[in-house]
């Protein structure tokens, strides 16, 4: 940026260039999430732990406060919680407890 001054030394004009870096920032964010997911999958030691870690990596990278993964119960009758995550600066104990206790009929 450059400020052109008038004869009295005050600002008269502003010259500069602005560049939108949104696409580059989003591409870097996607790349970081993809790398985190690949690392978690390569270190997988069981489905439950992997789900929790994946949810945390995705949630943190995308700025989520809370995230959950649900699946259909093996008998196909209910939708159940498989993993729950929340940002470290977010405290939602009642919400988490109720979420863990819910079962949804299909």
C-alpha atoms as a PDB file:
ATOM      1  CA  UNK A   1       0.000   0.000   0.000  1.00  0.00           C
ATOM      2  CA  UNK A   2       1.114   3.501  -0.697  1.00  0.00           C
ATOM      3  CA  UNK A   3      -0.416   6.715   0.596  1.00  0.00           C
ATOM      4  CA  UNK A   4      -0.052   9.756  -1.646  1.00  0.00           C
ATOM      5  CA  UNK A   5       0.055  12.947   0.391  1.00  0.00           C
ATOM      6  CA  UNK A   6      -1.235  16.397  -0.453  1.00  0.00           C
ATOM      7  CA  UNK A   7       0.820  19.594  -0.168  1.00  0.00           C
ATOM      8  CA  UNK A   8       0.068  19.832   3.565  1.00  0.00           C
ATOM      9  CA  UNK A   9       1.254  16.267   4.179  1.00  0.00           C
ATOM     10  CA  UNK A  10      -2.203  14.814   4.697  1.00  0.00           C
ATOM     11  CA  UNK A  11      -3.389  11.662   2.946  1.00  0.00           C
ATOM     12  CA  UNK A  12      -4.770  12.389  -0.508  1.00  0.00           C
ATOM     13  CA  UNK A  13      -4.896   8.974  -2.220  1.00  0.00           C
ATOM     14  CA  UNK A  14      -4.311   5.368  -1.357  1.00  0.00           C
ATOM     15  CA  UNK A  15      -2.731   3.021  -3.888  1.00  0.00           C
ATOM     16  CA  UNK A  16      -2.461  -0.724  -3.424  1.00  0.00           C
ATOM     17  CA  UNK A  17      -3.341  -4.214  -4.511  1.00  0.00           C
ATOM     18  CA  UNK A  18      -5.657  -6.638  -2.791  1.00  0.00           C
ATOM     19  CA  UNK A  19      -5.541 -10.375  -3.474  1.00  0.00           C
ATOM     20  CA  UNK A  20      -8.265 -12.831  -2.479  1.00  0.00           C
ATOM     21  CA  UNK A  21      -6.510 -15.859  -0.971  1.00  0.00           C
ATOM     22  CA  UNK A  22      -9.695 -17.711  -0.018  1.00  0.00           C
ATOM     23  CA  UNK A  23      -9.212 -20.500  -2.582  1.00  0.00           C
ATOM     24  CA  UNK A  24      -5.586 -21.037  -1.576  1.00  0.00           C
ATOM     25  CA  UNK A  25      -6.505 -21.096   2.110  1.00  0.00           C
ATOM     26  CA  UNK A  26      -9.316 -23.596   1.518  1.00  0.00           C
ATOM     27  CA  UNK A  27      -7.035 -25.805  -0.604  1.00  0.00           C
ATOM     28  CA  UNK A  28      -4.417 -25.818   2.165  1.00  0.00           C
ATOM     29  CA  UNK A  29      -7.099 -26.647   4.719  1.00  0.00           C
ATOM     30  CA  UNK A  30      -8.338 -29.578   2.591  1.00  0.00           C
ATOM     31  CA  UNK A  31      -4.769 -30.824   2.142  1.00  0.00           C
ATOM     32  CA  UNK A  32      -4.131 -30.670   5.882  1.00  0.00           C
ATOM     33  CA  UNK A  33      -7.325 -32.613   6.620  1.00  0.00           C
ATOM     34  CA  UNK A  34      -6.467 -35.224   3.984  1.00  0.00           C
ATOM     35  CA  UNK A  35      -3.003 -35.706   5.490  1.00  0.00           C
ATOM     36  CA  UNK A  36      -4.433 -36.016   8.992  1.00  0.00           C
ATOM     37  CA  UNK A  37      -6.978 -38.590   7.807  1.00  0.00           C
ATOM     38  CA  UNK A  38      -4.302 -40.607   5.990  1.00  0.00           C
ATOM     39  CA  UNK A  39      -2.121 -40.597   9.116  1.00  0.00           C
ATOM     40  CA  UNK A  40      -5.004 -41.678  11.357  1.00  0.00           C
ATOM     41  CA  UNK A  41      -5.999 -44.481   8.983  1.00  0.00           C
ATOM     42  CA  UNK A  42      -2.417 -45.712   8.733  1.00  0.00           C
ATOM     43  CA  UNK A  43      -2.228 -45.894  12.543  1.00  0.00           C
ATOM     44  CA  UNK A  44      -5.695 -47.447  13.003  1.00  0.00           C
ATOM     45  CA  UNK A  45      -6.043 -49.773  15.981  1.00  0.00           C
ATOM     46  CA  UNK A  46      -9.768 -50.429  15.939  1.00  0.00           C
ATOM     47  CA  UNK A  47     -12.871 -48.892  14.507  1.00  0.00           C
ATOM     48  CA  UNK A  48     -14.096 -47.040  17.605  1.00  0.00           C
ATOM     49  CA  UNK A  49     -10.780 -45.265  18.239  1.00  0.00           C
ATOM     50  CA  UNK A  50     -10.325 -44.501  14.528  1.00  0.00           C
ATOM     51  CA  UNK A  51     -13.780 -42.938  14.267  1.00  0.00           C
ATOM     52  CA  UNK A  52     -13.118 -40.748  17.307  1.00  0.00           C
ATOM     53  CA  UNK A  53      -9.744 -39.597  15.976  1.00  0.00           C
ATOM     54  CA  UNK A  54     -11.112 -38.937  12.471  1.00  0.00           C
ATOM     55  CA  UNK A  55     -13.969 -36.898  13.872  1.00  0.00           C
ATOM     56  CA  UNK A  56     -11.564 -34.867  16.016  1.00  0.00           C
ATOM     57  CA  UNK A  57      -9.182 -34.196  13.121  1.00  0.00           C
ATOM     58  CA  UNK A  58     -11.958 -33.112  10.770  1.00  0.00           C
ATOM     59  CA  UNK A  59     -13.761 -31.058  13.419  1.00  0.00           C
ATOM     60  CA  UNK A  60     -10.619 -29.237  14.533  1.00  0.00           C
ATOM     61  CA  UNK A  61      -9.493 -28.516  10.973  1.00  0.00           C
ATOM     62  CA  UNK A  62     -12.868 -27.159   9.923  1.00  0.00           C
ATOM     63  CA  UNK A  63     -13.463 -25.125  13.079  1.00  0.00           C
ATOM     64  CA  UNK A  64     -16.361 -27.176  14.403  1.00  0.00           C
ATOM     65  CA  UNK A  65     -17.377 -26.933  18.034  1.00  0.00           C
ATOM     66  CA  UNK A  66     -19.078 -30.355  18.193  1.00  0.00           C
ATOM     67  CA  UNK A  67     -19.246 -33.374  15.921  1.00  0.00           C
ATOM     68  CA  UNK A  68     -20.859 -36.810  15.970  1.00  0.00           C
ATOM     69  CA  UNK A  69     -20.888 -39.940  13.842  1.00  0.00           C
ATOM     70  CA  UNK A  70     -23.994 -42.106  13.754  1.00  0.00           C
ATOM     71  CA  UNK A  71     -24.631 -45.486  12.164  1.00  0.00           C
ATOM     72  CA  UNK A  72     -27.533 -47.866  11.750  1.00  0.00           C
ATOM     73  CA  UNK A  73     -27.581 -50.558  14.418  1.00  0.00           C
ATOM     74  CA  UNK A  74     -26.649 -53.997  13.016  1.00  0.00           C
ATOM     75  CA  UNK A  75     -30.270 -55.159  13.326  1.00  0.00           C
ATOM     76  CA  UNK A  76     -31.302 -52.123  11.257  1.00  0.00           C
ATOM     77  CA  UNK A  77     -33.835 -50.835  13.746  1.00  0.00           C
ATOM     78  CA  UNK A  78     -32.156 -47.773  15.247  1.00  0.00           C
ATOM     79  CA  UNK A  79     -29.669 -45.054  14.489  1.00  0.00           C
ATOM     80  CA  UNK A  80     -26.985 -44.957  17.176  1.00  0.00           C
ATOM     81  CA  UNK A  81     -24.064 -42.756  18.131  1.00  0.00           C
ATOM     82  CA  UNK A  82     -20.641 -44.169  17.247  1.00  0.00           C
ATOM     83  CA  UNK A  83     -18.361 -41.246  18.067  1.00  0.00           C
ATOM     84  CA  UNK A  84     -18.681 -37.861  19.740  1.00  0.00           C
ATOM     85  CA  UNK A  85     -16.130 -35.035  19.718  1.00  0.00           C
ATOM     86  CA  UNK A  86     -16.021 -31.456  20.941  1.00  0.00           C
ATOM     87  CA  UNK A  87     -13.401 -28.721  20.741  1.00  0.00           C
ATOM     88  CA  UNK A  88     -11.229 -28.449  23.834  1.00  0.00           C
ATOM     89  CA  UNK A  89     -12.556 -24.965  24.592  1.00  0.00           C
ATOM     90  CA  UNK A  90     -16.201 -26.081  24.398  1.00  0.00           C
ATOM     91  CA  UNK A  91     -17.844 -27.759  27.360  1.00  0.00           C
ATOM     92  CA  UNK A  92     -21.090 -29.569  26.541  1.00  0.00           C
ATOM     93  CA  UNK A  93     -21.449 -32.325  29.171  1.00  0.00           C
ATOM     94  CA  UNK A  94     -25.270 -32.377  29.251  1.00  0.00           C
ATOM     95  CA  UNK A  95     -25.535 -32.327  25.463  1.00  0.00           C
ATOM     96  CA  UNK A  96     -22.947 -35.085  25.157  1.00  0.00           C
ATOM     97  CA  UNK A  97     -24.658 -37.218  27.797  1.00  0.00           C
ATOM     98  CA  UNK A  98     -28.072 -36.869  26.161  1.00  0.00           C
ATOM     99  CA  UNK A  99     -26.591 -37.483  22.712  1.00  0.00           C
ATOM    100  CA  UNK A 100     -24.899 -40.672  23.913  1.00  0.00           C
ATOM    101  CA  UNK A 101     -28.160 -41.888  25.436  1.00  0.00           C
ATOM    102  CA  UNK A 102     -30.395 -41.299  22.399  1.00  0.00           C
ATOM    103  CA  UNK A 103     -31.486 -43.999  19.963  1.00  0.00           C
ATOM    104  CA  UNK A 104     -33.507 -43.081  16.912  1.00  0.00           C
ATOM    105  CA  UNK A 105     -35.985 -45.511  15.414  1.00  0.00           C
ATOM    106  CA  UNK A 106     -35.712 -46.102  11.677  1.00  0.00           C
END
